[in-house]
Amino acid sequence: MGLLGDRADAGGLGVPQCPGWMVRDLVGHLVEVCRIVLDGRGSPIDAGVGDPGVDVAGLLAEWEVVGEAVDRLMASGGTRWAGPLVLDAFTHEVDLRYVLGEPVSAEHPAFEWCFKLAVGGWGRSLSARGLPAVLVSVAGMERVAGEGEPAVRVRGERLDVYRALVGRRTYGQIAALDWSGDPGRWLGCFEWGPFTPPERVVEGQSTVKGS
């Protein structure tokens, strides 16, 4: 949360990637996720935004405590939520960077792992709908989503493809990626898990180092 170290006043800024949320809600959500994991009281996937009466400064102070505790828990292998935790935290970090106008690096240490998790989740969406596999290609990485031989390939900048997989790009933006065939039959699969493509554009095409 170093992004907000000197920006506690940003708590009231809207987060278009998460309709109805402000920055304060995004931070509250991440803290609530940590609480749930540490308490062992359910799924962090269903976490809300925590106590709305706590301001950003208070949430950041709590984040220092619960975030470090979750890091230790993950390092010890003491939670089955390691994948969803990192995916959620990285996805929301990028949300926050867009809101604050901070640069996003395609070389972020969490990117490769989160990309693989997102492709895997999207692949299960393909399989559940009985659709053939897709080869997902970004700079330096290729992964097959779904089962069997890929019927089509989708390619794009690292962040553009990742953000499409996690519900941050519209169907039009997804279709505008570099597909080797008609993407139409696969577009509905981008609604999976907690992710749904937005009705209007909330992020433009990425311009990031290392794409």
N, C-alpha and C. Protein backbone atom coordinates (compact mmCIF):
# COMPACT_ATOMS: atom_id res chain seq x y z
N MET A 1 0.82 -1.21 0.00
CA MET A 1 0.00 0.00 0.00
C MET A 1 0.85 1.26 0.00
N GLY A 2 2.11 1.12 -0.40
CA GLY A 2 2.98 2.28 -0.48
C GLY A 2 2.44 3.33 -1.43
N LEU A 3 1.58 2.93 -2.37
CA LEU A 3 0.98 3.88 -3.31
C LEU A 3 0.19 4.96 -2.59
N LEU A 4 -0.34 4.64 -1.41
CA LEU A 4 -1.19 5.58 -0.69
C LEU A 4 -0.51 6.17 0.53
N GLY A 5 0.79 5.90 0.68
CA GLY A 5 1.50 6.38 1.86
C GLY A 5 1.34 7.87 2.10
N ASP A 6 1.37 8.67 1.04
CA ASP A 6 1.20 10.12 1.18
C ASP A 6 -0.03 10.60 0.42
N ARG A 7 -0.99 9.66 0.19
CA ARG A 7 -2.19 10.00 -0.56
C ARG A 7 -3.45 9.57 0.18
N ALA A 8 -3.44 9.68 1.50
CA ALA A 8 -4.61 9.27 2.28
C ALA A 8 -5.85 10.07 1.87
N ASP A 9 -5.63 11.25 1.27
CA ASP A 9 -6.75 12.08 0.83
C ASP A 9 -7.41 11.52 -0.43
N ALA A 10 -6.83 10.47 -0.99
CA ALA A 10 -7.38 9.88 -2.21
C ALA A 10 -8.54 8.93 -1.92
N GLY A 11 -8.87 8.75 -0.66
CA GLY A 11 -9.89 7.77 -0.29
C GLY A 11 -11.23 7.97 -0.95
N GLY A 12 -11.58 9.20 -1.33
CA GLY A 12 -12.87 9.48 -1.92
C GLY A 12 -12.89 9.39 -3.44
N LEU A 13 -11.77 9.05 -4.05
CA LEU A 13 -11.74 8.91 -5.51
C LEU A 13 -12.49 7.66 -5.94
N GLY A 14 -13.24 7.75 -7.04
CA GLY A 14 -13.96 6.60 -7.55
C GLY A 14 -13.03 5.60 -8.21
N VAL A 15 -13.42 4.33 -8.17
CA VAL A 15 -12.66 3.25 -8.82
C VAL A 15 -13.56 2.67 -9.91
N PRO A 16 -13.44 3.14 -11.15
CA PRO A 16 -14.38 2.72 -12.19
C PRO A 16 -14.35 1.23 -12.49
N GLN A 17 -13.21 0.57 -12.20
CA GLN A 17 -13.13 -0.87 -12.43
C GLN A 17 -14.00 -1.66 -11.46
N CYS A 18 -14.37 -1.03 -10.35
CA CYS A 18 -15.19 -1.67 -9.31
C CYS A 18 -16.39 -0.76 -9.07
N PRO A 19 -17.45 -0.88 -9.86
CA PRO A 19 -18.58 0.06 -9.78
C PRO A 19 -19.11 0.23 -8.36
N GLY A 20 -19.25 1.52 -7.98
CA GLY A 20 -19.76 1.85 -6.66
C GLY A 20 -18.70 1.96 -5.58
N TRP A 21 -17.47 1.58 -5.90
CA TRP A 21 -16.38 1.65 -4.93
C TRP A 21 -15.60 2.94 -5.07
N MET A 22 -15.09 3.40 -3.92
CA MET A 22 -14.08 4.44 -3.88
C MET A 22 -12.77 3.79 -3.46
N VAL A 23 -11.69 4.55 -3.50
CA VAL A 23 -10.39 4.01 -3.09
C VAL A 23 -10.47 3.46 -1.67
N ARG A 24 -11.18 4.15 -0.80
CA ARG A 24 -11.34 3.68 0.57
C ARG A 24 -11.95 2.27 0.61
N ASP A 25 -12.91 2.00 -0.28
CA ASP A 25 -13.56 0.69 -0.33
C ASP A 25 -12.60 -0.38 -0.84
N LEU A 26 -11.78 -0.01 -1.83
CA LEU A 26 -10.80 -0.95 -2.36
C LEU A 26 -9.82 -1.37 -1.27
N VAL A 27 -9.32 -0.40 -0.51
CA VAL A 27 -8.38 -0.72 0.57
C VAL A 27 -9.09 -1.54 1.64
N GLY A 28 -10.33 -1.14 1.96
CA GLY A 28 -11.10 -1.89 2.95
C GLY A 28 -11.32 -3.33 2.53
N HIS A 29 -11.53 -3.54 1.25
CA HIS A 29 -11.71 -4.89 0.73
C HIS A 29 -10.45 -5.73 0.94
N LEU A 30 -9.30 -5.17 0.61
CA LEU A 30 -8.05 -5.92 0.77
C LEU A 30 -7.78 -6.26 2.23
N VAL A 31 -8.09 -5.33 3.12
CA VAL A 31 -7.93 -5.60 4.55
C VAL A 31 -8.90 -6.69 4.99
N GLU A 32 -10.14 -6.62 4.51
CA GLU A 32 -11.14 -7.62 4.87
C GLU A 32 -10.75 -9.00 4.37
N VAL A 33 -10.17 -9.08 3.18
CA VAL A 33 -9.68 -10.36 2.66
C VAL A 33 -8.65 -10.96 3.61
N CYS A 34 -7.72 -10.13 4.08
CA CYS A 34 -6.70 -10.61 5.02
C CYS A 34 -7.33 -11.09 6.32
N ARG A 35 -8.31 -10.35 6.82
CA ARG A 35 -8.99 -10.75 8.06
C ARG A 35 -9.63 -12.13 7.91
N ILE A 36 -10.32 -12.33 6.80
CA ILE A 36 -11.02 -13.59 6.57
C ILE A 36 -10.03 -14.75 6.53
N VAL A 37 -8.92 -14.57 5.83
CA VAL A 37 -7.93 -15.64 5.72
C VAL A 37 -7.32 -15.94 7.09
N LEU A 38 -6.99 -14.91 7.84
CA LEU A 38 -6.37 -15.12 9.15
C LEU A 38 -7.35 -15.74 10.14
N ASP A 39 -8.63 -15.38 10.03
CA ASP A 39 -9.64 -15.94 10.94
C ASP A 39 -10.11 -17.32 10.51
N GLY A 40 -9.87 -17.68 9.26
CA GLY A 40 -10.34 -18.96 8.75
C GLY A 40 -11.85 -19.06 8.75
N ARG A 41 -12.53 -17.95 8.46
CA ARG A 41 -13.99 -17.92 8.59
C ARG A 41 -14.72 -17.79 7.26
N GLY A 42 -14.26 -18.49 6.27
CA GLY A 42 -14.97 -18.46 5.00
C GLY A 42 -14.05 -18.20 3.83
N SER A 43 -14.65 -17.81 2.72
CA SER A 43 -13.91 -17.61 1.49
C SER A 43 -13.59 -16.14 1.28
N PRO A 44 -12.32 -15.79 1.05
CA PRO A 44 -11.97 -14.39 0.77
C PRO A 44 -12.54 -13.90 -0.55
N ILE A 45 -12.96 -14.83 -1.39
CA ILE A 45 -13.52 -14.44 -2.69
C ILE A 45 -14.81 -13.64 -2.49
N ASP A 46 -15.49 -13.88 -1.37
CA ASP A 46 -16.76 -13.21 -1.09
C ASP A 46 -16.59 -11.96 -0.22
N ALA A 47 -15.36 -11.52 0.01
CA ALA A 47 -15.12 -10.39 0.91
C ALA A 47 -15.73 -9.11 0.38
N GLY A 48 -16.29 -8.32 1.30
CA GLY A 48 -16.80 -7.01 0.96
C GLY A 48 -15.75 -5.94 1.20
N VAL A 49 -16.19 -4.79 1.71
CA VAL A 49 -15.27 -3.66 1.91
C VAL A 49 -15.00 -3.38 3.38
N GLY A 50 -15.41 -4.30 4.26
CA GLY A 50 -15.13 -4.11 5.68
C GLY A 50 -15.96 -3.01 6.30
N ASP A 51 -15.46 -2.46 7.41
CA ASP A 51 -16.18 -1.44 8.17
C ASP A 51 -16.09 -0.09 7.45
N PRO A 52 -17.20 0.44 6.96
CA PRO A 52 -17.16 1.72 6.23
C PRO A 52 -16.82 2.92 7.11
N GLY A 53 -16.81 2.72 8.43
CA GLY A 53 -16.52 3.83 9.33
C GLY A 53 -15.03 4.10 9.52
N VAL A 54 -14.18 3.25 8.96
CA VAL A 54 -12.73 3.41 9.13
C VAL A 54 -12.17 4.15 7.91
N ASP A 55 -11.37 5.20 8.16
CA ASP A 55 -10.81 5.96 7.05
C ASP A 55 -9.59 5.27 6.46
N VAL A 56 -9.08 5.83 5.36
CA VAL A 56 -7.96 5.20 4.67
C VAL A 56 -6.73 5.09 5.56
N ALA A 57 -6.44 6.13 6.35
CA ALA A 57 -5.27 6.08 7.23
C ALA A 57 -5.38 4.93 8.21
N GLY A 58 -6.58 4.72 8.77
CA GLY A 58 -6.78 3.62 9.70
C GLY A 58 -6.65 2.27 9.02
N LEU A 59 -7.16 2.17 7.80
CA LEU A 59 -7.06 0.93 7.05
C LEU A 59 -5.61 0.60 6.69
N LEU A 60 -4.86 1.63 6.32
CA LEU A 60 -3.45 1.40 5.99
C LEU A 60 -2.67 0.92 7.21
N ALA A 61 -3.00 1.46 8.37
CA ALA A 61 -2.34 1.02 9.60
C ALA A 61 -2.66 -0.45 9.87
N GLU A 62 -3.92 -0.83 9.67
CA GLU A 62 -4.28 -2.24 9.88
C GLU A 62 -3.64 -3.13 8.82
N TRP A 63 -3.56 -2.61 7.59
CA TRP A 63 -2.94 -3.38 6.50
C TRP A 63 -1.50 -3.77 6.86
N GLU A 64 -0.78 -2.88 7.51
CA GLU A 64 0.60 -3.19 7.90
C GLU A 64 0.65 -4.44 8.77
N VAL A 65 -0.35 -4.60 9.62
CA VAL A 65 -0.38 -5.73 10.55
C VAL A 65 -0.89 -6.99 9.87
N VAL A 66 -2.09 -6.91 9.29
CA VAL A 66 -2.70 -8.12 8.73
C VAL A 66 -2.00 -8.56 7.45
N GLY A 67 -1.49 -7.59 6.67
CA GLY A 67 -0.77 -7.96 5.45
C GLY A 67 0.48 -8.76 5.74
N GLU A 68 1.24 -8.33 6.74
CA GLU A 68 2.45 -9.06 7.12
C GLU A 68 2.10 -10.44 7.67
N ALA A 69 1.01 -10.53 8.44
CA ALA A 69 0.60 -11.82 8.99
C ALA A 69 0.20 -12.79 7.88
N VAL A 70 -0.49 -12.30 6.86
CA VAL A 70 -0.87 -13.15 5.73
C VAL A 70 0.38 -13.57 4.95
N ASP A 71 1.33 -12.67 4.78
CA ASP A 71 2.58 -13.03 4.09
C ASP A 71 3.26 -14.19 4.80
N ARG A 72 3.31 -14.12 6.14
CA ARG A 72 3.94 -15.21 6.90
C ARG A 72 3.16 -16.50 6.75
N LEU A 73 1.84 -16.39 6.77
CA LEU A 73 0.99 -17.58 6.62
C LEU A 73 1.21 -18.23 5.26
N MET A 74 1.27 -17.42 4.22
CA MET A 74 1.49 -17.96 2.88
C MET A 74 2.86 -18.60 2.75
N ALA A 75 3.87 -17.96 3.34
CA ALA A 75 5.24 -18.49 3.27
C ALA A 75 5.35 -19.84 3.95
N SER A 76 4.51 -20.06 4.97
CA SER A 76 4.55 -21.33 5.70
C SER A 76 3.66 -22.40 5.08
N GLY A 77 2.95 -22.02 4.01
CA GLY A 77 2.04 -22.96 3.37
C GLY A 77 0.78 -23.20 4.17
N GLY A 78 0.44 -22.25 5.03
CA GLY A 78 -0.68 -22.44 5.96
C GLY A 78 -2.04 -22.03 5.45
N THR A 79 -2.16 -21.70 4.17
CA THR A 79 -3.47 -21.34 3.63
C THR A 79 -3.63 -21.88 2.21
N ARG A 80 -4.84 -22.32 1.89
CA ARG A 80 -5.12 -22.80 0.54
C ARG A 80 -5.52 -21.66 -0.38
N TRP A 81 -5.51 -20.43 0.15
CA TRP A 81 -6.00 -19.29 -0.62
C TRP A 81 -4.87 -18.49 -1.25
N ALA A 82 -3.66 -19.05 -1.30
CA ALA A 82 -2.52 -18.28 -1.80
C ALA A 82 -2.77 -17.73 -3.21
N GLY A 83 -3.27 -18.58 -4.11
CA GLY A 83 -3.51 -18.13 -5.48
C GLY A 83 -4.53 -17.00 -5.57
N PRO A 84 -5.75 -17.21 -5.04
CA PRO A 84 -6.74 -16.13 -5.08
C PRO A 84 -6.28 -14.86 -4.38
N LEU A 85 -5.51 -15.00 -3.29
CA LEU A 85 -5.04 -13.82 -2.56
C LEU A 85 -4.13 -12.96 -3.44
N VAL A 86 -3.17 -13.58 -4.09
CA VAL A 86 -2.23 -12.83 -4.91
C VAL A 86 -2.94 -12.26 -6.13
N LEU A 87 -3.82 -13.05 -6.75
CA LEU A 87 -4.57 -12.58 -7.91
C LEU A 87 -5.40 -11.36 -7.56
N ASP A 88 -6.10 -11.42 -6.42
CA ASP A 88 -6.95 -10.32 -5.99
C ASP A 88 -6.12 -9.07 -5.68
N ALA A 89 -5.03 -9.27 -4.94
CA ALA A 89 -4.21 -8.12 -4.53
C ALA A 89 -3.57 -7.45 -5.75
N PHE A 90 -3.04 -8.24 -6.68
CA PHE A 90 -2.39 -7.66 -7.85
C PHE A 90 -3.41 -6.95 -8.75
N THR A 91 -4.56 -7.58 -8.94
CA THR A 91 -5.59 -6.98 -9.79
C THR A 91 -6.04 -5.63 -9.23
N HIS A 92 -6.24 -5.57 -7.92
CA HIS A 92 -6.67 -4.31 -7.31
C HIS A 92 -5.53 -3.29 -7.22
N GLU A 93 -4.29 -3.76 -7.13
CA GLU A 93 -3.17 -2.81 -7.18
C GLU A 93 -3.17 -2.09 -8.52
N VAL A 94 -3.41 -2.84 -9.59
CA VAL A 94 -3.44 -2.21 -10.92
C VAL A 94 -4.65 -1.28 -11.03
N ASP A 95 -5.81 -1.69 -10.46
CA ASP A 95 -6.96 -0.78 -10.40
C ASP A 95 -6.53 0.56 -9.79
N LEU A 96 -5.87 0.47 -8.64
CA LEU A 96 -5.46 1.66 -7.90
C LEU A 96 -4.47 2.50 -8.69
N ARG A 97 -3.55 1.85 -9.37
CA ARG A 97 -2.57 2.59 -10.18
C ARG A 97 -3.26 3.38 -11.29
N TYR A 98 -4.27 2.79 -11.91
CA TYR A 98 -5.01 3.53 -12.93
C TYR A 98 -5.69 4.75 -12.32
N VAL A 99 -6.30 4.57 -11.14
CA VAL A 99 -7.00 5.68 -10.49
C VAL A 99 -6.04 6.81 -10.15
N LEU A 100 -4.86 6.47 -9.65
CA LEU A 100 -3.89 7.46 -9.18
C LEU A 100 -2.98 7.97 -10.30
N GLY A 101 -3.09 7.38 -11.49
CA GLY A 101 -2.22 7.80 -12.59
C GLY A 101 -0.79 7.35 -12.40
N GLU A 102 -0.59 6.25 -11.67
CA GLU A 102 0.74 5.72 -11.43
C GLU A 102 1.09 4.69 -12.51
N PRO A 103 2.35 4.62 -12.92
CA PRO A 103 2.73 3.67 -13.97
C PRO A 103 2.56 2.23 -13.53
N VAL A 104 2.27 1.37 -14.50
CA VAL A 104 2.14 -0.07 -14.27
C VAL A 104 3.24 -0.76 -15.05
N SER A 105 4.04 -1.56 -14.40
CA SER A 105 5.13 -2.26 -15.06
C SER A 105 4.70 -3.66 -15.47
N ALA A 106 4.98 -4.01 -16.71
CA ALA A 106 4.70 -5.36 -17.18
C ALA A 106 5.66 -6.36 -16.56
N GLU A 107 6.67 -5.88 -15.86
CA GLU A 107 7.64 -6.76 -15.20
C GLU A 107 7.33 -6.90 -13.72
N HIS A 108 6.15 -6.54 -13.29
CA HIS A 108 5.76 -6.68 -11.89
C HIS A 108 6.00 -8.12 -11.43
N PRO A 109 6.58 -8.33 -10.24
CA PRO A 109 6.92 -9.69 -9.80
C PRO A 109 5.72 -10.62 -9.68
N ALA A 110 4.52 -10.08 -9.52
CA ALA A 110 3.33 -10.93 -9.40
C ALA A 110 2.71 -11.27 -10.75
N PHE A 111 3.16 -10.61 -11.82
CA PHE A 111 2.45 -10.74 -13.09
C PHE A 111 2.41 -12.17 -13.61
N GLU A 112 3.56 -12.83 -13.68
CA GLU A 112 3.60 -14.14 -14.31
C GLU A 112 2.68 -15.13 -13.60
N TRP A 113 2.73 -15.15 -12.27
CA TRP A 113 1.90 -16.08 -11.52
C TRP A 113 0.42 -15.75 -11.72
N CYS A 114 0.09 -14.47 -11.63
CA CYS A 114 -1.31 -14.07 -11.77
C CYS A 114 -1.82 -14.32 -13.19
N PHE A 115 -0.97 -14.11 -14.18
CA PHE A 115 -1.35 -14.40 -15.55
C PHE A 115 -1.70 -15.87 -15.71
N LYS A 116 -0.88 -16.76 -15.15
CA LYS A 116 -1.15 -18.20 -15.24
C LYS A 116 -2.45 -18.56 -14.53
N LEU A 117 -2.68 -17.97 -13.36
CA LEU A 117 -3.92 -18.23 -12.62
C LEU A 117 -5.14 -17.76 -13.41
N ALA A 118 -5.04 -16.56 -13.99
CA ALA A 118 -6.16 -16.01 -14.74
C ALA A 118 -6.45 -16.85 -15.99
N VAL A 119 -5.42 -17.27 -16.69
CA VAL A 119 -5.62 -18.12 -17.86
C VAL A 119 -6.27 -19.44 -17.44
N GLY A 120 -5.81 -20.00 -16.32
CA GLY A 120 -6.40 -21.25 -15.83
C GLY A 120 -7.87 -21.10 -15.48
N GLY A 121 -8.22 -20.00 -14.80
CA GLY A 121 -9.61 -19.76 -14.46
C GLY A 121 -10.48 -19.57 -15.69
N TRP A 122 -9.96 -18.80 -16.64
CA TRP A 122 -10.70 -18.58 -17.88
C TRP A 122 -10.84 -19.89 -18.66
N GLY A 123 -9.80 -20.71 -18.61
CA GLY A 123 -9.86 -22.01 -19.29
C GLY A 123 -10.96 -22.90 -18.74
N ARG A 124 -11.18 -22.84 -17.43
CA ARG A 124 -12.28 -23.63 -16.85
C ARG A 124 -13.63 -23.11 -17.33
N SER A 125 -13.70 -21.80 -17.58
CA SER A 125 -14.92 -21.23 -18.14
C SER A 125 -15.17 -21.76 -19.56
N LEU A 126 -14.10 -21.88 -20.35
CA LEU A 126 -14.24 -22.46 -21.69
C LEU A 126 -14.74 -23.89 -21.61
N SER A 127 -14.09 -24.67 -20.74
CA SER A 127 -14.44 -26.09 -20.63
C SER A 127 -15.88 -26.27 -20.16
N ALA A 128 -16.31 -25.44 -19.22
CA ALA A 128 -17.67 -25.55 -18.69
C ALA A 128 -18.71 -25.28 -19.78
N ARG A 129 -18.33 -24.49 -20.79
CA ARG A 129 -19.25 -24.17 -21.88
C ARG A 129 -19.05 -25.07 -23.09
N GLY A 130 -18.15 -26.04 -22.95
CA GLY A 130 -17.92 -26.99 -24.04
C GLY A 130 -17.20 -26.42 -25.24
N LEU A 131 -16.42 -25.36 -25.02
CA LEU A 131 -15.71 -24.71 -26.11
C LEU A 131 -14.28 -25.21 -26.23
N PRO A 132 -13.72 -25.21 -27.43
CA PRO A 132 -12.33 -25.64 -27.61
C PRO A 132 -11.35 -24.66 -26.97
N ALA A 133 -10.15 -25.15 -26.76
CA ALA A 133 -9.11 -24.38 -26.08
C ALA A 133 -8.65 -23.19 -26.92
N VAL A 134 -8.01 -22.23 -26.22
CA VAL A 134 -7.45 -21.03 -26.84
C VAL A 134 -6.00 -20.89 -26.40
N LEU A 135 -5.11 -20.61 -27.32
CA LEU A 135 -3.73 -20.30 -26.97
C LEU A 135 -3.64 -18.82 -26.65
N VAL A 136 -3.25 -18.51 -25.41
CA VAL A 136 -3.15 -17.12 -24.96
C VAL A 136 -1.68 -16.73 -24.96
N SER A 137 -1.34 -15.69 -25.73
CA SER A 137 0.06 -15.34 -25.95
C SER A 137 0.33 -13.88 -25.61
N VAL A 138 1.32 -13.67 -24.74
CA VAL A 138 1.84 -12.33 -24.45
C VAL A 138 3.35 -12.41 -24.52
N ALA A 139 4.02 -11.27 -24.45
CA ALA A 139 5.48 -11.25 -24.57
C ALA A 139 6.11 -12.17 -23.53
N GLY A 140 6.84 -13.16 -24.01
CA GLY A 140 7.59 -14.03 -23.12
C GLY A 140 6.80 -15.19 -22.54
N MET A 141 5.48 -15.26 -22.79
CA MET A 141 4.67 -16.32 -22.20
C MET A 141 3.56 -16.76 -23.14
N GLU A 142 3.32 -18.07 -23.15
CA GLU A 142 2.16 -18.63 -23.83
C GLU A 142 1.54 -19.69 -22.92
N ARG A 143 0.22 -19.66 -22.83
CA ARG A 143 -0.49 -20.64 -22.02
C ARG A 143 -1.73 -21.09 -22.79
N VAL A 144 -2.07 -22.36 -22.65
CA VAL A 144 -3.29 -22.87 -23.26
C VAL A 144 -4.41 -22.79 -22.24
N ALA A 145 -5.49 -22.12 -22.60
CA ALA A 145 -6.69 -22.05 -21.78
C ALA A 145 -7.68 -23.09 -22.27
N GLY A 146 -8.15 -23.93 -21.38
CA GLY A 146 -9.09 -24.96 -21.77
C GLY A 146 -8.41 -26.29 -22.02
N GLU A 147 -9.16 -27.19 -22.62
CA GLU A 147 -8.70 -28.57 -22.80
C GLU A 147 -8.54 -28.90 -24.29
N GLY A 148 -7.51 -29.67 -24.58
CA GLY A 148 -7.29 -30.13 -25.95
C GLY A 148 -6.46 -29.16 -26.77
N GLU A 149 -6.46 -29.40 -28.07
CA GLU A 149 -5.67 -28.59 -29.00
C GLU A 149 -6.35 -27.23 -29.19
N PRO A 150 -5.59 -26.13 -29.09
CA PRO A 150 -6.20 -24.81 -29.29
C PRO A 150 -6.80 -24.65 -30.68
N ALA A 151 -7.98 -24.07 -30.72
CA ALA A 151 -8.64 -23.81 -32.00
C ALA A 151 -8.35 -22.42 -32.51
N VAL A 152 -7.85 -21.54 -31.64
CA VAL A 152 -7.60 -20.17 -32.01
C VAL A 152 -6.53 -19.61 -31.07
N ARG A 153 -5.89 -18.55 -31.50
CA ARG A 153 -4.88 -17.89 -30.68
C ARG A 153 -5.29 -16.45 -30.45
N VAL A 154 -5.13 -15.98 -29.20
CA VAL A 154 -5.34 -14.57 -28.90
C VAL A 154 -4.03 -14.02 -28.38
N ARG A 155 -3.67 -12.83 -28.87
CA ARG A 155 -2.38 -12.26 -28.52
C ARG A 155 -2.54 -10.76 -28.27
N GLY A 156 -1.71 -10.21 -27.39
CA GLY A 156 -1.75 -8.78 -27.12
C GLY A 156 -0.68 -8.38 -26.14
N GLU A 157 -0.68 -7.10 -25.78
CA GLU A 157 0.25 -6.63 -24.76
C GLU A 157 -0.07 -7.32 -23.45
N ARG A 158 0.95 -7.53 -22.64
CA ARG A 158 0.78 -8.28 -21.40
C ARG A 158 -0.39 -7.78 -20.55
N LEU A 159 -0.40 -6.49 -20.28
CA LEU A 159 -1.41 -5.96 -19.37
C LEU A 159 -2.79 -5.97 -20.02
N ASP A 160 -2.87 -5.72 -21.33
CA ASP A 160 -4.16 -5.73 -22.00
C ASP A 160 -4.81 -7.10 -21.91
N VAL A 161 -4.04 -8.15 -22.15
CA VAL A 161 -4.60 -9.50 -22.10
C VAL A 161 -4.98 -9.85 -20.66
N TYR A 162 -4.11 -9.54 -19.72
CA TYR A 162 -4.43 -9.85 -18.33
C TYR A 162 -5.68 -9.13 -17.87
N ARG A 163 -5.79 -7.86 -18.17
CA ARG A 163 -6.95 -7.09 -17.71
C ARG A 163 -8.23 -7.55 -18.41
N ALA A 164 -8.11 -8.06 -19.62
CA ALA A 164 -9.27 -8.66 -20.28
C ALA A 164 -9.73 -9.91 -19.53
N LEU A 165 -8.78 -10.70 -19.05
CA LEU A 165 -9.11 -11.94 -18.35
C LEU A 165 -9.76 -11.69 -17.00
N VAL A 166 -9.49 -10.54 -16.39
CA VAL A 166 -10.01 -10.28 -15.04
C VAL A 166 -11.08 -9.19 -15.02
N GLY A 167 -11.85 -9.10 -16.09
CA GLY A 167 -13.04 -8.27 -16.11
C GLY A 167 -12.82 -6.78 -16.14
N ARG A 168 -11.69 -6.32 -16.69
CA ARG A 168 -11.42 -4.87 -16.74
C ARG A 168 -11.51 -4.32 -18.15
N ARG A 169 -11.84 -5.10 -19.14
CA ARG A 169 -11.97 -4.61 -20.51
C ARG A 169 -13.33 -5.00 -21.07
N THR A 170 -13.91 -4.14 -21.88
CA THR A 170 -15.21 -4.41 -22.48
C THR A 170 -15.10 -5.52 -23.52
N TYR A 171 -16.27 -6.05 -23.91
CA TYR A 171 -16.26 -7.07 -24.95
C TYR A 171 -15.66 -6.52 -26.24
N GLY A 172 -15.91 -5.25 -26.52
CA GLY A 172 -15.33 -4.65 -27.72
C GLY A 172 -13.81 -4.61 -27.64
N GLN A 173 -13.27 -4.25 -26.48
CA GLN A 173 -11.82 -4.22 -26.32
C GLN A 173 -11.23 -5.62 -26.41
N ILE A 174 -11.95 -6.59 -25.86
CA ILE A 174 -11.46 -7.98 -25.93
C ILE A 174 -11.44 -8.46 -27.38
N ALA A 175 -12.50 -8.15 -28.11
CA ALA A 175 -12.56 -8.56 -29.52
C ALA A 175 -11.48 -7.89 -30.35
N ALA A 176 -11.01 -6.71 -29.90
CA ALA A 176 -9.99 -5.95 -30.64
C ALA A 176 -8.58 -6.46 -30.38
N LEU A 177 -8.41 -7.41 -29.47
CA LEU A 177 -7.10 -8.04 -29.31
C LEU A 177 -6.77 -8.80 -30.60
N ASP A 178 -5.55 -9.27 -30.72
CA ASP A 178 -5.10 -9.94 -31.94
C ASP A 178 -5.53 -11.41 -31.91
N TRP A 179 -6.70 -11.69 -32.46
CA TRP A 179 -7.22 -13.05 -32.54
C TRP A 179 -6.88 -13.64 -33.91
N SER A 180 -6.57 -14.93 -33.94
CA SER A 180 -6.27 -15.57 -35.21
C SER A 180 -7.53 -16.01 -35.94
N GLY A 181 -8.67 -15.88 -35.29
CA GLY A 181 -9.96 -16.21 -35.90
C GLY A 181 -11.05 -15.37 -35.26
N ASP A 182 -12.27 -15.60 -35.64
CA ASP A 182 -13.40 -14.86 -35.10
C ASP A 182 -13.53 -15.16 -33.60
N PRO A 183 -13.44 -14.12 -32.74
CA PRO A 183 -13.50 -14.37 -31.30
C PRO A 183 -14.90 -14.55 -30.73
N GLY A 184 -15.94 -14.37 -31.58
CA GLY A 184 -17.30 -14.28 -31.09
C GLY A 184 -17.73 -15.40 -30.16
N ARG A 185 -17.41 -16.64 -30.47
CA ARG A 185 -17.91 -17.76 -29.67
C ARG A 185 -17.25 -17.84 -28.30
N TRP A 186 -16.10 -17.15 -28.13
CA TRP A 186 -15.40 -17.22 -26.85
C TRP A 186 -15.67 -16.02 -25.95
N LEU A 187 -16.30 -14.98 -26.48
CA LEU A 187 -16.44 -13.75 -25.69
C LEU A 187 -17.25 -13.95 -24.42
N GLY A 188 -18.31 -14.75 -24.48
CA GLY A 188 -19.12 -14.96 -23.29
C GLY A 188 -18.38 -15.61 -22.14
N CYS A 189 -17.27 -16.28 -22.45
CA CYS A 189 -16.50 -16.97 -21.41
C CYS A 189 -15.69 -16.00 -20.55
N PHE A 190 -15.63 -14.73 -20.96
CA PHE A 190 -14.90 -13.76 -20.15
C PHE A 190 -15.70 -13.35 -18.91
N GLU A 191 -16.90 -13.83 -18.79
CA GLU A 191 -17.65 -13.70 -17.54
C GLU A 191 -17.44 -15.00 -16.77
N TRP A 192 -16.55 -14.95 -15.79
CA TRP A 192 -16.23 -16.16 -15.03
C TRP A 192 -15.83 -15.77 -13.61
N GLY A 193 -16.05 -16.67 -12.66
CA GLY A 193 -15.72 -16.37 -11.27
C GLY A 193 -16.36 -15.06 -10.85
N PRO A 194 -15.57 -14.16 -10.23
CA PRO A 194 -16.12 -12.85 -9.84
C PRO A 194 -16.03 -11.80 -10.93
N PHE A 195 -15.60 -12.19 -12.14
CA PHE A 195 -15.28 -11.22 -13.19
C PHE A 195 -16.37 -11.11 -14.25
N THR A 196 -16.70 -9.88 -14.62
CA THR A 196 -17.63 -9.59 -15.70
C THR A 196 -17.12 -8.38 -16.46
N PRO A 197 -16.98 -8.44 -17.78
CA PRO A 197 -16.53 -7.27 -18.54
C PRO A 197 -17.46 -6.08 -18.31
N PRO A 198 -16.90 -4.88 -18.18
CA PRO A 198 -17.74 -3.70 -17.96
C PRO A 198 -18.54 -3.33 -19.20
N GLU A 199 -19.65 -2.61 -18.98
CA GLU A 199 -20.49 -2.19 -20.10
C GLU A 199 -19.85 -1.04 -20.88
N ARG A 200 -19.05 -0.23 -20.19
CA ARG A 200 -18.38 0.88 -20.87
C ARG A 200 -16.88 0.80 -20.58
N VAL A 201 -16.10 1.48 -21.38
CA VAL A 201 -14.65 1.45 -21.22
C VAL A 201 -14.25 2.11 -19.90
N VAL A 202 -13.48 1.38 -19.08
CA VAL A 202 -12.96 1.95 -17.83
C VAL A 202 -11.44 2.07 -17.86
N GLU A 203 -10.82 1.45 -18.85
CA GLU A 203 -9.36 1.54 -19.04
C GLU A 203 -9.08 1.58 -20.53
N GLY A 204 -8.12 2.41 -20.91
CA GLY A 204 -7.69 2.41 -22.29
C GLY A 204 -6.63 1.36 -22.54
N GLN A 205 -6.18 1.28 -23.76
CA GLN A 205 -5.12 0.34 -24.09
C GLN A 205 -3.86 0.70 -23.31
N SER A 206 -3.13 -0.33 -22.92
CA SER A 206 -1.97 -0.12 -22.05
C SER A 206 -0.78 0.46 -22.81
N THR A 207 -0.05 1.30 -22.11
CA THR A 207 1.25 1.74 -22.56
C THR A 207 2.18 1.59 -21.37
N VAL A 208 2.88 0.46 -21.31
CA VAL A 208 3.67 0.13 -20.14
C VAL A 208 5.05 -0.35 -20.56
N LYS A 209 6.01 -0.18 -19.66
CA LYS A 209 7.35 -0.68 -19.93
C LYS A 209 7.35 -2.20 -19.95
N GLY A 210 8.09 -2.75 -20.88
CA GLY A 210 8.27 -4.19 -20.91
C GLY A 210 7.12 -4.97 -21.52
N SER A 211 6.16 -4.29 -22.15
CA SER A 211 5.01 -5.01 -22.73
C SER A 211 5.46 -5.91 -23.87
